[in-house]
């Protein structure tokens, strides 16, 4: 009887309050309190799909395998589009007709929510498909790319550029047309794409509110109200490595319009995190709160591992370095089930002063699979934690001497990178290997200090003396890929990146280096 009476009184109070203020909507389980309201309840997201871009260009540096085939309409486009930086003083007609060049189409896909300088793989096709033209070993000169819907326009608005060394896997040279090729990571975005936020209740005031809220959290220019019902948002640079996290944070932006409501939300989220009630949701929501949560998160960096990881990851994405040591400590612990998550969280801190030493230690981890994941996630793009060199202007060579495992890792999509784990990797003495693709021979039989690298020739007059090189694979790569005659000497053999991968694979298969060879997955293009 008492319970019924209490319920009756509560009902009367609620009804009385409702009658006293008919303009106030009664709270329910489906109506969050003011401090619980977030942006996802007010908008829907339209994230752009990847888009195909297209252009025309010229591949040069071909060994007499080019073609002068060039449709008239393409010739006029080349005159308008080719950069003056490399056509100044050049006879375009003679350049096109040269046996060392070929006119090509260039195509690729820019990612959704693209940021300036994002890279992507591109496909190149010569107009001459007769079988006489081969793009192997060529270099695509810089050219502009536009959306395919604009490809027929006379005035193209460039959304990306393309440039770089042609790549064609050795195993595909007999099965794919010779007039095609790829440039790994050769596309570069120059015009960003925006994600559309569609307001559930359109209005200029609401659109301005959403725009201002996003810009206040992420910086001016992040959001732009383009109509009463739409706000366009661009991914800020600090979220380049984790765009889906950015959208999750945007969704969780608080709609509270008073400091009291914001303070209550912050307090509730900290309690949710500490009590481990949906830690992931608490972490994202705290990150959406911005700098106001930093003083409250810092004390939780050295507590429960799951809470510490969430606090450190949140702090790192807010631009601070206070969480770096916590993330590194978790990532370096081989017994921690959270180490992979902690390692990936370091992606947002690759510009921090101390990050290189932490990444270097992770690259030397006893778990080689983990070390490879570290390289792909943290080192491949900028060489963090590794000693980086550029080879023949065509690809990067990363030396990871601290690795406990000797291996060669090479990419075949997204960019051209070779990593030597456990360097120095030395050629075994007393061996000889011939690489038939370029008629190159590497001989380690006669000397314990140097190997001899030579190229056979049908003509004695064109034969060249063998080149001495150290036993280190690092040095052999430089000699093999160096363009002949560059640098004031005649030591280079001009191997392309794809030819080098074939050569290293042959070395590993025949046991001439004490290292395994891992070639990454092929690019996903036609």
Protein backbone atom coordinates (compact mmCIF):
# COMPACT_ATOMS: atom_id res chain seq x y z
CA UNK A 1 0.00 0.00 0.00
CA UNK A 2 2.86 2.32 0.80
CA UNK A 3 4.50 1.68 -2.59
CA UNK A 4 1.26 2.47 -4.40
CA UNK A 5 0.82 5.67 -2.43
CA UNK A 6 4.41 6.77 -3.24
CA UNK A 7 3.86 6.12 -6.89
CA UNK A 8 0.62 8.08 -6.82
CA UNK A 9 2.36 11.07 -5.23
CA UNK A 10 5.16 11.01 -7.79
CA UNK A 11 2.63 10.91 -10.61
CA UNK A 12 0.78 13.86 -9.14
CA UNK A 13 4.00 15.88 -8.85
CA UNK A 14 4.96 15.17 -12.44
CA UNK A 15 1.49 16.01 -13.73
CA UNK A 16 1.41 19.19 -11.68
CA UNK A 17 4.76 20.29 -13.09
CA UNK A 18 3.53 19.56 -16.58
CA UNK A 19 0.40 21.65 -16.09
CA UNK A 20 2.40 24.50 -14.59
CA UNK A 21 4.61 24.75 -17.67
CA UNK A 22 3.04 23.43 -20.85
CA UNK A 23 6.09 24.63 -22.83
CA UNK A 24 8.38 22.16 -21.06
CA UNK A 25 8.64 18.71 -22.61
CA UNK A 26 8.61 15.95 -20.02
CA UNK A 27 11.83 13.94 -19.86
CA UNK A 28 11.68 10.28 -20.83
CA UNK A 29 14.07 7.44 -21.45
CA UNK A 30 14.22 8.51 -25.12
CA UNK A 31 14.96 12.15 -24.31
CA UNK A 32 18.50 12.65 -22.97
CA UNK A 33 19.17 15.19 -20.28
CA UNK A 34 20.73 18.45 -21.57
CA UNK A 35 24.23 17.41 -20.53
CA UNK A 36 23.79 14.10 -22.41
CA UNK A 37 22.78 15.58 -25.77
CA UNK A 38 25.38 15.16 -28.53
CA UNK A 39 25.67 16.04 -32.21
CA UNK A 40 24.79 12.57 -33.52
CA UNK A 41 21.22 13.19 -32.35
CA UNK A 42 20.95 16.30 -34.55
CA UNK A 43 22.56 15.30 -37.86
CA UNK A 44 23.24 12.46 -40.27
CA UNK A 45 26.59 11.96 -41.99
CA UNK A 46 27.25 11.65 -45.72
CA UNK A 47 30.87 10.56 -46.02
CA UNK A 48 32.05 10.68 -49.67
CA UNK A 49 33.02 7.50 -51.46
CA UNK A 50 36.42 7.19 -53.20
CA UNK A 51 36.32 8.92 -56.60
CA UNK A 52 38.08 8.10 -59.84
CA UNK A 53 40.45 10.75 -61.22
CA UNK A 54 41.91 10.89 -64.69
CA UNK A 55 44.51 12.72 -66.73
CA UNK A 56 47.05 12.45 -69.53
CA UNK A 57 50.81 12.63 -69.25
CA UNK A 58 54.19 11.53 -70.55
CA UNK A 59 56.37 8.65 -69.43
CA UNK A 60 60.06 9.29 -70.14
CA UNK A 61 63.45 7.64 -69.53
CA UNK A 62 62.40 4.57 -71.53
CA UNK A 63 65.22 2.49 -73.08
CA UNK A 64 64.03 2.94 -76.67
CA UNK A 65 60.70 1.21 -76.00
CA UNK A 66 58.50 4.33 -76.21
CA UNK A 67 56.02 5.45 -78.85
CA UNK A 68 55.00 8.62 -80.64
CA UNK A 69 51.31 7.68 -80.77
CA UNK A 70 49.32 10.66 -79.50
CA UNK A 71 45.73 11.56 -80.50
CA UNK A 72 45.35 15.20 -81.65
CA UNK A 73 43.01 16.18 -78.81
CA UNK A 74 45.49 14.77 -76.28
CA UNK A 75 48.36 16.72 -77.83
CA UNK A 76 46.46 19.96 -77.23
CA UNK A 77 45.74 18.93 -73.64
CA UNK A 78 49.41 18.24 -73.05
CA UNK A 79 50.30 21.72 -74.22
CA UNK A 80 47.96 23.20 -71.62
CA UNK A 81 48.61 20.83 -68.76
CA UNK A 82 52.30 19.99 -68.80
CA UNK A 83 54.21 21.87 -66.15
CA UNK A 84 56.58 24.53 -67.44
CA UNK A 85 59.14 23.30 -64.91
CA UNK A 86 60.15 20.46 -67.21
CA UNK A 87 58.97 21.63 -70.65
CA UNK A 88 60.73 24.95 -70.73
CA UNK A 89 63.07 24.97 -73.70
CA UNK A 90 61.89 21.53 -74.88
CA UNK A 91 60.42 20.90 -78.33
CA UNK A 92 57.18 19.18 -77.35
CA UNK A 93 56.69 17.51 -80.74
CA UNK A 94 60.18 16.05 -80.73
CA UNK A 95 59.74 15.02 -77.12
CA UNK A 96 56.55 13.10 -77.94
CA UNK A 97 58.07 11.41 -81.01
CA UNK A 98 61.16 10.27 -79.11
CA UNK A 99 61.60 6.49 -78.75
CA UNK A 100 62.36 7.16 -75.08
CA UNK A 101 58.93 8.64 -74.25
CA UNK A 102 55.29 7.58 -74.45
CA UNK A 103 52.04 9.51 -74.10
CA UNK A 104 49.80 7.88 -71.51
CA UNK A 105 46.49 8.07 -69.70
CA UNK A 106 46.71 8.23 -65.91
CA UNK A 107 43.96 6.99 -63.60
CA UNK A 108 43.47 6.40 -59.88
CA UNK A 109 41.06 6.71 -56.97
CA UNK A 110 41.28 9.46 -54.39
CA UNK A 111 40.11 8.33 -50.94
CA UNK A 112 36.89 9.56 -49.37
CA UNK A 113 37.34 12.53 -47.02
CA UNK A 114 40.66 13.23 -48.74
CA UNK A 115 43.23 15.51 -47.13
CA UNK A 116 45.81 17.51 -49.07
CA UNK A 117 48.95 15.45 -49.82
CA UNK A 118 47.14 12.12 -49.32
CA UNK A 119 48.80 9.59 -51.62
CA UNK A 120 47.21 6.84 -53.71
CA UNK A 121 48.25 4.32 -56.36
CA UNK A 122 47.72 5.11 -60.02
CA UNK A 123 47.52 3.13 -63.24
CA UNK A 124 49.22 4.27 -66.43
CA UNK A 125 48.41 3.16 -70.00
CA UNK A 126 50.15 4.18 -73.21
CA UNK A 127 47.95 5.16 -76.16
CA UNK A 128 50.02 2.79 -78.27
CA UNK A 129 48.63 -0.66 -77.48
CA UNK A 130 50.17 -2.38 -80.49
CA UNK A 131 52.55 -4.41 -78.32
CA UNK A 132 55.63 -2.51 -79.49
CA UNK A 133 55.54 -0.02 -76.60
CA UNK A 134 56.75 -0.97 -73.13
CA UNK A 135 56.63 1.32 -70.09
CA UNK A 136 58.98 -0.83 -67.99
CA UNK A 137 61.62 1.26 -66.25
CA UNK A 138 60.01 4.60 -67.15
CA UNK A 139 59.25 7.71 -65.14
CA UNK A 140 55.88 9.48 -65.26
CA UNK A 141 56.37 13.24 -65.41
CA UNK A 142 54.19 15.29 -63.11
CA UNK A 143 50.68 15.76 -64.46
CA UNK A 144 47.30 16.95 -63.21
CA UNK A 145 44.34 14.68 -62.50
CA UNK A 146 40.66 15.66 -62.52
CA UNK A 147 37.44 13.85 -61.66
CA UNK A 148 36.40 11.57 -64.51
CA UNK A 149 33.11 13.45 -64.84
CA UNK A 150 35.21 16.44 -65.93
CA UNK A 151 37.58 14.49 -68.16
CA UNK A 152 36.06 15.81 -71.38
CA UNK A 153 36.15 19.45 -70.31
CA UNK A 154 38.67 21.69 -72.01
CA UNK A 155 39.56 23.42 -68.73
CA UNK A 156 40.26 20.84 -66.04
CA UNK A 157 40.22 21.67 -62.35
CA UNK A 158 42.96 19.55 -60.82
CA UNK A 159 42.04 17.66 -57.66
CA UNK A 160 45.26 15.62 -57.63
CA UNK A 161 48.64 15.24 -59.30
CA UNK A 162 50.62 12.18 -60.34
CA UNK A 163 54.34 11.52 -60.74
CA UNK A 164 56.90 8.79 -60.17
CA UNK A 165 58.68 5.63 -61.25
CA UNK A 166 56.71 3.01 -63.16
CA UNK A 167 56.12 -0.28 -61.35
CA UNK A 168 55.18 -3.59 -62.89
CA UNK A 169 55.68 -6.83 -60.94
CA UNK A 170 58.13 -9.20 -62.59
CA UNK A 171 55.57 -12.01 -62.47
CA UNK A 172 53.08 -9.91 -64.47
CA UNK A 173 55.37 -8.88 -67.29
CA UNK A 174 54.43 -11.90 -69.36
CA UNK A 175 50.70 -11.83 -68.57
CA UNK A 176 49.84 -8.11 -68.59
CA UNK A 177 50.08 -5.79 -71.63
CA UNK A 178 53.47 -4.13 -71.93
CA UNK A 179 51.92 -0.69 -72.47
CA UNK A 180 50.50 -0.60 -68.91
CA UNK A 181 52.11 0.08 -65.55
CA UNK A 182 51.58 1.57 -62.11
CA UNK A 183 53.08 4.22 -59.87
CA UNK A 184 52.98 3.16 -56.21
CA UNK A 185 51.63 6.03 -54.14
CA UNK A 186 52.26 8.33 -57.10
CA UNK A 187 48.99 10.23 -56.81
CA UNK A 188 48.81 13.27 -54.51
CA UNK A 189 45.59 15.01 -53.46
CA UNK A 190 45.62 18.80 -53.96
CA UNK A 191 41.92 19.55 -53.38
CA UNK A 192 40.33 18.21 -50.21
CA UNK A 193 36.88 16.62 -50.19
CA UNK A 194 34.32 17.40 -47.51
CA UNK A 195 31.88 15.23 -45.61
CA UNK A 196 28.31 16.54 -45.48
CA UNK A 197 26.43 16.80 -42.21
CA UNK A 198 22.69 16.87 -42.97
CA UNK A 199 20.69 18.56 -40.24
CA UNK A 200 17.57 16.76 -39.00
CA UNK A 201 15.87 20.14 -38.47
CA UNK A 202 17.24 22.60 -41.07
CA UNK A 203 17.66 26.25 -40.21
CA UNK A 204 20.29 28.96 -40.53
CA UNK A 205 20.59 29.29 -36.76
CA UNK A 206 21.07 25.55 -36.23
CA UNK A 207 23.54 25.26 -39.13
CA UNK A 208 25.59 28.14 -37.69
CA UNK A 209 25.50 26.53 -34.25
CA UNK A 210 26.81 23.21 -35.58
CA UNK A 211 29.51 24.95 -37.65
CA UNK A 212 30.69 27.08 -34.73
CA UNK A 213 30.73 24.11 -32.37
CA UNK A 214 32.93 22.04 -34.71
CA UNK A 215 35.28 24.95 -35.45
CA UNK A 216 35.62 25.75 -31.76
CA UNK A 217 36.75 22.19 -31.09
CA UNK A 218 38.94 21.51 -34.15
CA UNK A 219 39.95 24.94 -35.47
CA UNK A 220 38.59 27.55 -37.85
CA UNK A 221 37.87 26.30 -41.35
CA UNK A 222 37.11 22.72 -40.30
CA UNK A 223 33.37 23.21 -40.85
CA UNK A 224 31.40 25.44 -43.23
CA UNK A 225 27.64 25.97 -43.30
CA UNK A 226 26.72 25.77 -47.00
CA UNK A 227 22.93 25.85 -46.56
CA UNK A 228 20.31 25.83 -43.80
CA UNK A 229 20.31 22.04 -43.91
CA UNK A 230 23.97 21.18 -44.59
CA UNK A 231 27.34 21.72 -42.95
CA UNK A 232 30.49 20.57 -44.78
CA UNK A 233 33.35 19.24 -42.66
CA UNK A 234 36.96 18.54 -43.62
CA UNK A 235 39.20 16.16 -41.68
CA UNK A 236 41.89 18.14 -39.80
CA UNK A 237 45.52 17.15 -40.29
CA UNK A 238 45.93 15.75 -36.78
CA UNK A 239 43.42 13.01 -37.62
CA UNK A 240 45.01 12.08 -40.95
CA UNK A 241 45.99 8.63 -39.65
CA UNK A 242 42.62 7.85 -38.06
CA UNK A 243 39.70 9.47 -39.88
CA UNK A 244 37.04 7.17 -38.50
CA UNK A 245 38.04 8.24 -35.02
CA UNK A 246 37.57 11.86 -36.07
CA UNK A 247 34.01 11.17 -37.19
CA UNK A 248 33.31 9.31 -33.95
CA UNK A 249 34.55 12.34 -31.99
CA UNK A 250 32.46 14.72 -34.11
CA UNK A 251 29.37 12.61 -33.44
CA UNK A 252 30.06 12.86 -29.70
CA UNK A 253 30.41 16.66 -29.57
CA UNK A 254 28.26 17.93 -26.68
CA UNK A 255 25.24 20.08 -27.50
CA UNK A 256 25.03 21.54 -23.98
CA UNK A 257 24.82 25.34 -24.04
CA UNK A 258 25.72 26.11 -20.41
CA UNK A 259 28.94 25.62 -18.49
CA UNK A 260 27.02 23.83 -15.76
CA UNK A 261 25.77 21.22 -18.22
CA UNK A 262 29.26 20.78 -19.69
CA UNK A 263 30.75 20.33 -16.22
CA UNK A 264 28.13 17.72 -15.35
CA UNK A 265 28.84 15.84 -18.58
CA UNK A 266 32.57 15.89 -17.95
CA UNK A 267 32.11 14.58 -14.42
CA UNK A 268 29.79 11.81 -15.60
CA UNK A 269 32.19 10.73 -18.37
CA UNK A 270 35.18 10.55 -16.02
CA UNK A 271 33.12 8.40 -13.67
CA UNK A 272 32.07 6.20 -16.60
CA UNK A 273 35.72 5.76 -17.60
CA UNK A 274 37.03 5.01 -14.11
CA UNK A 275 34.25 2.52 -13.40
CA UNK A 276 34.98 0.82 -16.76
CA UNK A 277 31.39 1.15 -17.98
CA UNK A 278 31.81 1.23 -21.77
CA UNK A 279 35.35 2.59 -21.71
CA UNK A 280 35.46 3.15 -25.48
CA UNK A 281 32.39 5.39 -25.43
CA UNK A 282 33.75 7.34 -22.46
CA UNK A 283 37.10 7.82 -24.20
CA UNK A 284 35.61 9.17 -27.44
CA UNK A 285 33.17 11.40 -25.56
CA UNK A 286 35.94 12.83 -23.39
CA UNK A 287 38.03 13.54 -26.47
CA UNK A 288 35.06 15.43 -27.89
CA UNK A 289 35.10 17.65 -24.78
CA UNK A 290 38.52 18.99 -25.78
CA UNK A 291 41.15 20.50 -23.51
CA UNK A 292 38.79 20.79 -20.54
CA UNK A 293 39.20 17.07 -19.81
CA UNK A 294 43.02 17.09 -19.71
CA UNK A 295 43.44 17.90 -15.97
CA UNK A 296 40.92 15.18 -15.07
CA UNK A 297 42.45 12.52 -17.35
CA UNK A 298 46.09 12.94 -16.33
CA UNK A 299 45.70 11.30 -12.87
CA UNK A 300 44.42 8.12 -14.55
CA UNK A 301 47.50 7.45 -16.71
CA UNK A 302 48.95 4.93 -14.27
CA UNK A 303 45.98 2.96 -13.00
CA UNK A 304 44.01 0.08 -14.46
CA UNK A 305 45.65 -0.81 -17.83
CA UNK A 306 42.43 -0.39 -19.83
CA UNK A 307 41.68 2.96 -18.22
CA UNK A 308 45.31 4.07 -18.58
CA UNK A 309 45.28 3.21 -22.30
CA UNK A 310 42.05 5.14 -22.86
CA UNK A 311 43.33 8.17 -20.94
CA UNK A 312 46.69 8.17 -22.74
CA UNK A 313 45.13 7.72 -26.18
CA UNK A 314 42.67 10.51 -25.52
CA UNK A 315 45.42 12.86 -24.30
CA UNK A 316 47.62 12.10 -27.32
CA UNK A 317 44.78 12.93 -29.71
CA UNK A 318 44.28 16.21 -27.88
CA UNK A 319 47.81 17.20 -28.90
CA UNK A 320 49.66 16.64 -25.64
CA UNK A 321 52.64 14.40 -24.94
CA UNK A 322 51.76 13.44 -21.36
CA UNK A 323 50.32 10.11 -22.50
CA UNK A 324 53.31 9.11 -24.62
CA UNK A 325 55.24 7.23 -21.93
CA UNK A 326 52.11 5.32 -20.88
CA UNK A 327 51.38 4.25 -24.46
CA UNK A 328 55.01 3.24 -24.99
CA UNK A 329 55.08 1.29 -21.73
CA UNK A 330 51.98 -0.70 -22.67
CA UNK A 331 53.22 -1.27 -26.24
CA UNK A 332 56.60 -2.52 -25.01
CA UNK A 333 55.06 -5.06 -22.63
CA UNK A 334 54.93 -8.41 -24.48
CA UNK A 335 52.47 -9.75 -21.88
CA UNK A 336 49.94 -6.96 -22.33
CA UNK A 337 46.84 -7.82 -24.39
CA UNK A 338 46.56 -4.09 -25.11
CA UNK A 339 50.00 -3.60 -26.68
CA UNK A 340 48.80 -3.54 -30.30
CA UNK A 341 46.16 -0.92 -29.47
CA UNK A 342 48.74 1.18 -27.62
CA UNK A 343 51.16 0.94 -30.54
CA UNK A 344 48.53 2.08 -33.03
CA UNK A 345 47.66 4.99 -30.74
CA UNK A 346 51.19 6.31 -31.25
CA UNK A 347 50.26 7.20 -34.86
CA UNK A 348 48.90 10.52 -33.67
CA UNK A 349 52.26 11.35 -32.05
CA UNK A 350 54.78 10.69 -34.83
CA UNK A 351 55.87 14.35 -34.68
CA UNK A 352 56.58 14.29 -30.92
CA UNK A 353 60.29 14.84 -30.08
CA UNK A 354 60.67 11.59 -28.12
CA UNK A 355 58.67 9.33 -30.44
CA UNK A 356 61.62 8.15 -32.53
CA UNK A 357 63.37 6.41 -29.63
CA UNK A 358 60.17 4.61 -28.59
CA UNK A 359 59.43 3.44 -32.13
CA UNK A 360 63.04 2.31 -32.58
CA UNK A 361 62.69 0.05 -29.55
CA UNK A 362 59.40 -1.36 -30.82
CA UNK A 363 60.97 -2.12 -34.21
CA UNK A 364 63.49 -4.30 -32.37
CA UNK A 365 60.80 -6.30 -30.55
CA UNK A 366 61.36 -10.05 -30.18
CA UNK A 367 57.95 -10.68 -31.76
CA UNK A 368 58.80 -10.06 -35.41
CA UNK A 369 55.17 -10.02 -36.52
CA UNK A 370 54.59 -7.20 -34.04
CA UNK A 371 57.73 -5.41 -35.28
CA UNK A 372 56.44 -5.58 -38.86
CA UNK A 373 53.12 -4.12 -37.71
CA UNK A 374 55.06 -1.31 -36.02
CA UNK A 375 56.92 -0.59 -39.25
CA UNK A 376 53.76 -0.53 -41.35
CA UNK A 377 51.84 1.63 -38.86
CA UNK A 378 54.49 4.04 -37.56
CA UNK A 379 57.63 3.97 -39.70
CA UNK A 380 56.77 3.34 -43.32
CA UNK A 381 55.39 6.79 -44.13
CA UNK A 382 58.12 8.99 -42.63
CA UNK A 383 60.86 6.57 -41.55
CA UNK A 384 60.30 7.18 -37.82
CA UNK A 385 62.63 5.00 -35.73
CA UNK A 386 64.61 3.81 -38.76
CA UNK A 387 67.60 5.08 -40.73
CA UNK A 388 66.10 6.20 -44.04
CA UNK A 389 67.79 6.59 -47.42
CA UNK A 390 66.43 7.40 -50.87
CA UNK A 391 67.55 5.15 -53.72
CA UNK A 392 67.79 6.56 -57.26
CA UNK A 393 65.00 9.01 -56.44
CA UNK A 394 62.54 6.14 -56.89
CA UNK A 395 62.00 4.49 -53.49
CA UNK A 396 63.03 4.61 -49.84
CA UNK A 397 65.37 2.19 -48.09
CA UNK A 398 64.90 1.86 -44.32
CA UNK A 399 67.67 0.34 -42.21
CA UNK A 400 66.43 -1.27 -38.98
CA UNK A 401 69.64 -2.57 -37.47
CA UNK A 402 68.11 -3.16 -34.02
CA UNK A 403 65.84 -5.97 -35.25
CA UNK A 404 66.54 -9.41 -33.81
CA UNK A 405 65.34 -11.03 -37.03
CA UNK A 406 67.00 -10.62 -40.41
CA UNK A 407 64.42 -10.00 -43.10
CA UNK A 408 63.72 -7.82 -46.13
CA UNK A 409 60.28 -6.21 -46.32
CA UNK A 410 59.06 -4.55 -49.53
CA UNK A 411 55.79 -2.81 -50.36
CA UNK A 412 53.85 -3.23 -53.58
CA UNK A 413 51.07 -0.74 -52.94
CA UNK A 414 50.68 2.70 -51.38
CA UNK A 415 54.31 3.63 -52.01
CA UNK A 416 57.69 2.09 -52.80
CA UNK A 417 59.58 1.14 -49.63
CA UNK A 418 62.20 -1.49 -48.79
CA UNK A 419 63.11 -2.20 -45.15
CA UNK A 420 66.18 -4.19 -44.10
CA UNK A 421 65.49 -5.69 -40.67
CA UNK A 422 68.54 -6.91 -38.77
CA UNK A 423 70.92 -4.98 -41.00
CA UNK A 424 73.69 -5.39 -41.97
CA UNK A 425 72.47 -8.23 -44.15
CA UNK A 426 75.48 -9.63 -45.94
CA UNK A 427 75.74 -11.70 -49.09
CA UNK A 428 77.13 -15.17 -48.44
CA UNK A 429 80.69 -15.66 -49.79
CA UNK A 430 81.63 -18.21 -52.43
CA UNK A 431 78.43 -17.71 -54.43
CA UNK A 432 77.38 -16.44 -57.84
CA UNK A 433 73.95 -15.37 -58.94
CA UNK A 434 72.68 -14.27 -62.35
CA UNK A 435 69.61 -12.08 -62.76
CA UNK A 436 68.38 -12.84 -66.26
CA UNK A 437 65.97 -9.88 -66.45
CA UNK A 438 68.90 -7.47 -66.78
CA UNK A 439 71.72 -9.93 -67.56
CA UNK A 440 73.35 -8.95 -64.27
CA UNK A 441 75.77 -11.18 -62.40
CA UNK A 442 76.78 -10.84 -58.73
CA UNK A 443 79.91 -12.83 -57.88
CA UNK A 444 81.18 -13.37 -54.34
CA UNK A 445 83.62 -16.20 -55.12
CA UNK A 446 86.92 -14.44 -55.54
CA UNK A 447 87.17 -11.92 -52.69
CA UNK A 448 86.14 -11.78 -49.04
CA UNK A 449 86.03 -7.98 -49.01
CA UNK A 450 84.15 -7.13 -52.19
CA UNK A 451 81.63 -8.71 -54.53
CA UNK A 452 81.82 -8.10 -58.26
CA UNK A 453 78.73 -6.90 -60.10
CA UNK A 454 78.72 -7.07 -63.89
CA UNK A 455 76.37 -7.05 -66.86
CA UNK A 456 76.87 -9.36 -69.81
CA UNK A 457 76.64 -7.97 -73.33
CA UNK A 458 76.52 -9.54 -76.76
CA UNK A 459 78.94 -6.89 -77.96
CA UNK A 460 82.46 -6.91 -76.56
CA UNK A 461 82.77 -3.21 -77.33
CA UNK A 462 79.83 -2.47 -75.02
CA UNK A 463 81.00 -4.71 -72.21
CA UNK A 464 81.94 -2.92 -69.00
CA UNK A 465 84.34 -3.80 -66.26
CA UNK A 466 82.82 -5.39 -63.14
CA UNK A 467 81.96 -2.99 -60.33
CA UNK A 468 83.28 -3.66 -56.84
CA UNK A 469 80.81 -3.41 -53.98
CA UNK A 470 80.76 -4.40 -50.33
CA UNK A 471 78.99 -7.57 -49.20
CA UNK A 472 76.22 -5.56 -47.54
CA UNK A 473 72.84 -5.82 -49.25
CA UNK A 474 72.30 -2.15 -48.49
CA UNK A 475 75.25 -1.14 -50.69
CA UNK A 476 74.41 -3.68 -53.39
CA UNK A 477 70.91 -2.19 -53.70
CA UNK A 478 72.34 1.29 -54.24
CA UNK A 479 74.73 0.08 -56.95
CA UNK A 480 72.10 -1.99 -58.76
CA UNK A 481 69.47 0.78 -58.83
CA UNK A 482 71.67 3.78 -59.46
CA UNK A 483 71.10 5.25 -62.90
CA UNK A 484 74.18 4.77 -65.02
CA UNK A 485 76.29 7.88 -65.39
CA UNK A 486 74.64 9.80 -62.53
CA UNK A 487 76.82 11.26 -59.82
CA UNK A 488 79.89 11.61 -61.99
CA UNK A 489 80.64 7.88 -62.23
CA UNK A 490 79.65 4.86 -64.26
CA UNK A 491 78.76 2.45 -61.46
CA UNK A 492 74.96 2.25 -61.73
CA UNK A 493 73.04 -0.61 -63.35
CA UNK A 494 69.65 1.12 -63.48
CA UNK A 495 67.42 -1.58 -62.01
CA UNK A 496 63.85 -0.42 -61.46
CA UNK A 497 62.05 -1.00 -58.18
CA UNK A 498 60.10 -4.01 -59.46
CA UNK A 499 63.27 -5.53 -60.94
CA UNK A 500 65.05 -5.06 -57.61
CA UNK A 501 62.28 -6.94 -55.80
CA UNK A 502 62.68 -9.80 -58.27
CA UNK A 503 66.43 -9.82 -57.64
CA UNK A 504 66.09 -9.81 -53.83
CA UNK A 505 63.52 -12.60 -54.05
CA UNK A 506 66.00 -14.62 -56.08
CA UNK A 507 68.74 -13.99 -53.50
CA UNK A 508 66.48 -15.19 -50.69
CA UNK A 509 65.18 -18.23 -52.60
CA UNK A 510 68.71 -19.39 -53.41
CA UNK A 511 69.96 -18.85 -49.86
CA UNK A 512 72.50 -16.18 -50.80
CA UNK A 513 71.38 -13.91 -47.96
CA UNK A 514 70.63 -15.02 -44.38
CA UNK A 515 67.26 -13.29 -44.45
CA UNK A 516 63.68 -14.02 -45.44
CA UNK A 517 61.95 -11.87 -48.04
CA UNK A 518 58.44 -10.52 -47.53
CA UNK A 519 56.76 -8.77 -50.48
CA UNK A 520 53.60 -6.93 -49.50
CA UNK A 521 50.23 -7.38 -51.21
CA UNK A 522 49.88 -6.08 -54.74
CA UNK A 523 48.01 -2.85 -55.33
CA UNK A 524 44.30 -3.27 -55.93
CA UNK A 525 43.99 -1.78 -59.40
CA UNK A 526 42.87 -3.33 -62.72
